[in-house]
Amino acid sequence: PRGSRPSAKPGGHRWRQEAVPATGAFTLAERHDRPASQARLLWRAELDPGVIAVRAEPAADHDPGGFDLVPLRHFATVVRDAQGREYLALSDGRSRVRLDVVEGSLLGSGRVRLHYMLSGMADLEPRLLSIRRLVSLWRGGRFTRMLFPPAPDLPRGLEALRVADALADGASYREIAAALFGEERVHAEWKVRSDFLVTRVRRRVAEARLMAAGGYRGLF
């Protein structure tokens, strides 16, 4: 992203720090050529119910509840906006936890005590789950897979994304079917035995267009 720059942090460690591009639904939008395992998309908090807003204040070294980002630096992407507010993604490329620091800083010297800002009922459960994930990562130094169950609609969503790419490249419905189901099956079944493949491709095309028109916001 434009304005990207590395930044030295306490203890001589370095981790990725980005400037905020003010576009679309992202706090940070990734380069299109970055591998998925390295991508750190930061959606705006109003779209992502799992984002935890926190206040960070300096903590004493002996404070057992203090939080230190340095041991988790290899998971960390920190974004700062023009006002100096920080946005943190902790991710291994598959699992992630998001914090928005509305007051204070995670990047000062030493440990901080986090104050979690929770209110209301509508988005309480996903935020409590994010806190559980953060605590597990802080204690164990890794993401606990049982706290990140697979999304049941993920295969269907991935198909829709593939179809969106194919449409952008000008592919026909038959070419899309071949990419999804294999040329051999399409050769045998396309508009011959039934309309099953045609109907499924049409459905994925409709879903892809809805997602591109803003429906992706509902994935959260």
Protein backbone atom coordinates (compact mmCIF):
# COMPACT_ATOMS: atom_id res chain seq x y z
CA PRO A 1 0.00 0.00 0.00
CA ARG A 2 1.05 3.56 -0.53
CA GLY A 3 2.89 4.98 2.44
CA SER A 4 4.00 1.57 3.63
CA ARG A 5 7.07 1.71 5.84
CA PRO A 6 8.79 -0.56 8.35
CA SER A 7 9.20 0.74 11.85
CA ALA A 8 11.63 -0.16 14.62
CA LYS A 9 9.96 -1.01 17.90
CA PRO A 10 10.95 -1.58 21.54
CA GLY A 11 13.78 -4.00 22.14
CA GLY A 12 15.15 -3.63 18.62
CA HIS A 13 12.42 -5.84 17.11
CA ARG A 14 10.70 -4.90 13.89
CA TRP A 15 7.27 -5.65 12.62
CA ARG A 16 5.16 -4.52 9.78
CA GLN A 17 3.61 -1.06 10.08
CA GLU A 18 1.44 0.49 7.41
CA ALA A 19 -0.11 3.86 6.70
CA VAL A 20 -3.88 3.87 6.33
CA PRO A 21 -5.35 4.13 2.81
CA ALA A 22 -8.71 5.88 3.16
CA THR A 23 -10.63 3.73 0.70
CA GLY A 24 -13.72 1.55 0.67
CA ALA A 25 -14.40 -0.91 3.46
CA PHE A 26 -10.81 -1.27 4.61
CA THR A 27 -8.65 0.25 7.29
CA LEU A 28 -5.85 -1.49 5.36
CA ALA A 29 -6.31 -2.95 1.90
CA GLU A 30 -3.63 -5.36 0.74
CA ARG A 31 -1.67 -5.39 -2.50
CA HIS A 32 -3.32 -7.73 -4.97
CA ASP A 33 -0.09 -9.68 -5.48
CA ARG A 34 0.56 -10.48 -1.81
CA PRO A 35 0.10 -14.22 -1.11
CA ALA A 36 -2.99 -15.05 0.94
CA SER A 37 -0.83 -16.52 3.72
CA GLN A 38 0.84 -13.11 4.13
CA ALA A 39 -2.19 -10.87 3.55
CA ARG A 40 -3.52 -8.87 6.48
CA LEU A 41 -6.83 -7.32 5.53
CA LEU A 42 -8.13 -4.91 8.13
CA TRP A 43 -11.82 -4.26 7.58
CA ARG A 44 -13.39 -1.18 9.09
CA ALA A 45 -14.77 -1.89 12.55
CA GLU A 46 -18.33 -1.03 11.60
CA LEU A 47 -18.29 -3.99 9.19
CA ASP A 48 -16.43 -6.46 11.40
CA PRO A 49 -18.31 -7.33 14.61
CA GLY A 50 -15.28 -9.13 16.06
CA VAL A 51 -13.13 -5.99 16.34
CA ILE A 52 -12.30 -5.11 19.95
CA ALA A 53 -11.92 -1.45 20.86
CA VAL A 54 -9.40 -0.95 23.68
CA ARG A 55 -7.70 1.74 25.71
CA ALA A 56 -4.01 1.08 26.38
CA GLU A 57 -2.22 2.56 29.38
CA PRO A 58 1.32 1.90 30.61
CA ALA A 59 1.64 -1.09 32.93
CA ALA A 60 4.28 -1.92 35.50
CA ASP A 61 6.75 -4.64 34.55
CA HIS A 62 5.48 -6.81 37.39
CA ASP A 63 1.81 -6.38 36.42
CA PRO A 64 0.57 -9.95 35.71
CA GLY A 65 -2.19 -8.54 33.52
CA GLY A 66 0.15 -6.48 31.36
CA PHE A 67 0.25 -7.00 27.60
CA ASP A 68 3.47 -6.90 25.57
CA LEU A 69 3.31 -6.98 21.79
CA VAL A 70 6.96 -7.94 21.29
CA PRO A 71 6.51 -11.72 21.92
CA LEU A 72 3.74 -11.70 19.29
CA ARG A 73 5.59 -9.48 16.82
CA HIS A 74 5.72 -12.17 14.08
CA PHE A 75 1.89 -12.16 14.05
CA ALA A 76 1.51 -8.38 14.20
CA THR A 77 0.51 -5.82 11.60
CA VAL A 78 0.06 -2.33 13.05
CA VAL A 79 -1.68 0.47 11.18
CA ARG A 80 -1.69 4.12 12.19
CA ASP A 81 -4.04 6.76 10.81
CA ALA A 82 -3.39 10.48 10.42
CA GLN A 83 -4.53 11.11 13.99
CA GLY A 84 -2.11 8.53 15.38
CA ARG A 85 -4.79 5.98 16.27
CA GLU A 86 -3.53 2.41 16.02
CA TYR A 87 -5.15 -0.66 14.48
CA LEU A 88 -3.67 -4.08 15.18
CA ALA A 89 -4.13 -7.37 13.36
CA LEU A 90 -2.62 -10.48 14.93
CA SER A 91 -2.66 -13.20 12.29
CA ASP A 92 -0.83 -16.29 11.08
CA GLY A 93 -2.49 -16.02 7.67
CA ARG A 94 -5.37 -18.28 8.64
CA SER A 95 -6.58 -17.05 12.01
CA ARG A 96 -6.65 -13.51 13.35
CA VAL A 97 -7.60 -11.13 16.16
CA ARG A 98 -8.28 -7.43 15.62
CA LEU A 99 -7.81 -4.56 18.09
CA ASP A 100 -8.59 -0.88 17.54
CA VAL A 101 -6.67 1.25 20.04
CA VAL A 102 -8.91 4.25 20.66
CA GLU A 103 -6.66 5.70 23.36
CA GLY A 104 -2.98 5.18 24.18
CA SER A 105 -0.49 3.12 22.22
CA LEU A 106 0.75 -0.46 21.90
CA LEU A 107 4.03 0.75 20.46
CA GLY A 108 5.45 2.74 23.33
CA SER A 109 8.07 1.43 25.69
CA GLY A 110 7.18 -1.54 27.83
CA ARG A 111 3.96 -3.34 28.68
CA VAL A 112 0.46 -1.93 28.61
CA ARG A 113 -2.76 -2.74 30.39
CA LEU A 114 -5.68 -3.13 27.99
CA HIS A 115 -9.13 -1.88 28.89
CA TYR A 116 -11.76 -3.52 26.71
CA MET A 117 -14.65 -1.33 25.60
CA LEU A 118 -17.80 -3.44 25.39
CA SER A 119 -21.37 -2.24 25.34
CA GLY A 120 -24.79 -3.33 24.11
CA MET A 121 -25.88 -6.80 23.16
CA ALA A 122 -25.96 -7.04 19.35
CA ASP A 123 -22.23 -7.67 18.75
CA LEU A 124 -21.25 -8.81 22.23
CA GLU A 125 -20.77 -12.50 21.42
CA PRO A 126 -18.28 -12.09 18.54
CA ARG A 127 -16.28 -9.58 20.60
CA LEU A 128 -16.18 -11.86 23.63
CA LEU A 129 -14.98 -14.64 21.32
CA SER A 130 -12.24 -12.30 20.04
CA ILE A 131 -11.15 -11.67 23.63
CA ARG A 132 -11.00 -15.42 24.28
CA ARG A 133 -8.86 -15.81 21.18
CA LEU A 134 -6.56 -12.98 22.27
CA VAL A 135 -6.13 -14.45 25.75
CA SER A 136 -5.36 -17.88 24.30
CA LEU A 137 -2.77 -16.40 21.94
CA TRP A 138 -1.21 -14.32 24.72
CA ARG A 139 -0.92 -17.35 27.01
CA GLY A 140 0.18 -19.97 24.51
CA GLY A 141 1.93 -17.97 21.81
CA ARG A 142 -0.16 -19.56 19.07
CA PHE A 143 -3.71 -19.56 17.75
CA THR A 144 -5.96 -22.23 19.24
CA ARG A 145 -7.68 -23.97 16.33
CA MET A 146 -10.74 -24.96 18.35
CA LEU A 147 -11.52 -21.25 18.74
CA PHE A 148 -11.47 -20.84 14.94
CA PRO A 149 -13.93 -23.41 13.56
CA PRO A 150 -14.23 -23.58 9.76
CA ALA A 151 -16.93 -21.39 8.27
CA PRO A 152 -19.63 -23.72 6.85
CA ASP A 153 -20.27 -21.46 3.85
CA LEU A 154 -16.58 -21.04 2.98
CA PRO A 155 -16.45 -23.46 -0.01
CA ARG A 156 -19.46 -21.78 -1.59
CA GLY A 157 -18.00 -18.34 -0.99
CA LEU A 158 -14.70 -19.37 -2.55
CA GLU A 159 -16.54 -20.62 -5.61
CA ALA A 160 -18.28 -17.26 -5.91
CA LEU A 161 -14.92 -15.47 -5.70
CA ARG A 162 -13.48 -17.69 -8.43
CA VAL A 163 -16.51 -16.94 -10.59
CA ALA A 164 -16.06 -13.21 -10.00
CA ASP A 165 -12.46 -13.46 -11.22
CA ALA A 166 -13.56 -15.46 -14.26
CA LEU A 167 -16.26 -12.93 -15.14
CA ALA A 168 -13.71 -10.12 -14.87
CA ASP A 169 -11.55 -12.03 -17.36
CA GLY A 170 -14.45 -12.38 -19.79
CA ALA A 171 -14.99 -16.12 -19.35
CA SER A 172 -18.11 -17.78 -20.71
CA TYR A 173 -20.45 -19.82 -18.51
CA ARG A 174 -19.08 -23.01 -20.02
CA GLU A 175 -15.49 -21.95 -19.29
CA ILE A 176 -16.50 -21.14 -15.72
CA ALA A 177 -18.07 -24.59 -15.38
CA ALA A 178 -14.89 -26.23 -16.66
CA ALA A 179 -12.81 -24.34 -14.09
CA LEU A 180 -15.15 -25.35 -11.26
CA PHE A 181 -16.02 -28.93 -12.19
CA GLY A 182 -13.39 -30.04 -14.71
CA GLU A 183 -13.42 -30.17 -18.49
CA GLU A 184 -14.21 -33.89 -18.63
CA ARG A 185 -17.41 -33.57 -16.61
CA VAL A 186 -18.49 -30.48 -18.51
CA HIS A 187 -17.88 -32.22 -21.84
CA ALA A 188 -20.07 -35.13 -20.71
CA GLU A 189 -22.88 -33.21 -18.98
CA TRP A 190 -23.07 -29.66 -20.30
CA LYS A 191 -26.66 -29.26 -21.57
CA VAL A 192 -26.84 -32.98 -22.26
CA ARG A 193 -28.01 -35.00 -19.28
CA SER A 194 -29.58 -32.14 -17.35
CA ASP A 195 -29.28 -28.42 -16.67
CA PHE A 196 -27.61 -29.04 -13.29
CA LEU A 197 -24.23 -27.56 -14.20
CA VAL A 198 -25.77 -24.63 -16.06
CA THR A 199 -28.05 -23.86 -13.14
CA ARG A 200 -25.20 -24.06 -10.62
CA VAL A 201 -23.00 -21.74 -12.68
CA ARG A 202 -25.85 -19.25 -13.08
CA ARG A 203 -26.38 -19.31 -9.31
CA ARG A 204 -22.69 -18.68 -8.64
CA VAL A 205 -22.62 -15.87 -11.21
CA ALA A 206 -25.56 -14.20 -9.46
CA GLU A 207 -23.84 -14.59 -6.09
CA ALA A 208 -20.55 -13.23 -7.45
CA ARG A 209 -22.25 -10.13 -8.82
CA LEU A 210 -24.09 -9.53 -5.55
CA MET A 211 -20.83 -9.84 -3.61
CA ALA A 212 -19.05 -7.43 -5.95
CA ALA A 213 -21.91 -4.95 -5.54
CA GLY A 214 -21.40 -4.82 -1.76
CA GLY A 215 -22.76 -8.13 -0.57
CA TYR A 216 -19.30 -9.11 0.71
CA ARG A 217 -20.08 -7.01 3.79
CA GLY A 218 -22.50 -9.70 4.87
CA LEU A 219 -19.75 -12.32 5.09
CA PHE A 220 -18.91 -11.17 8.58
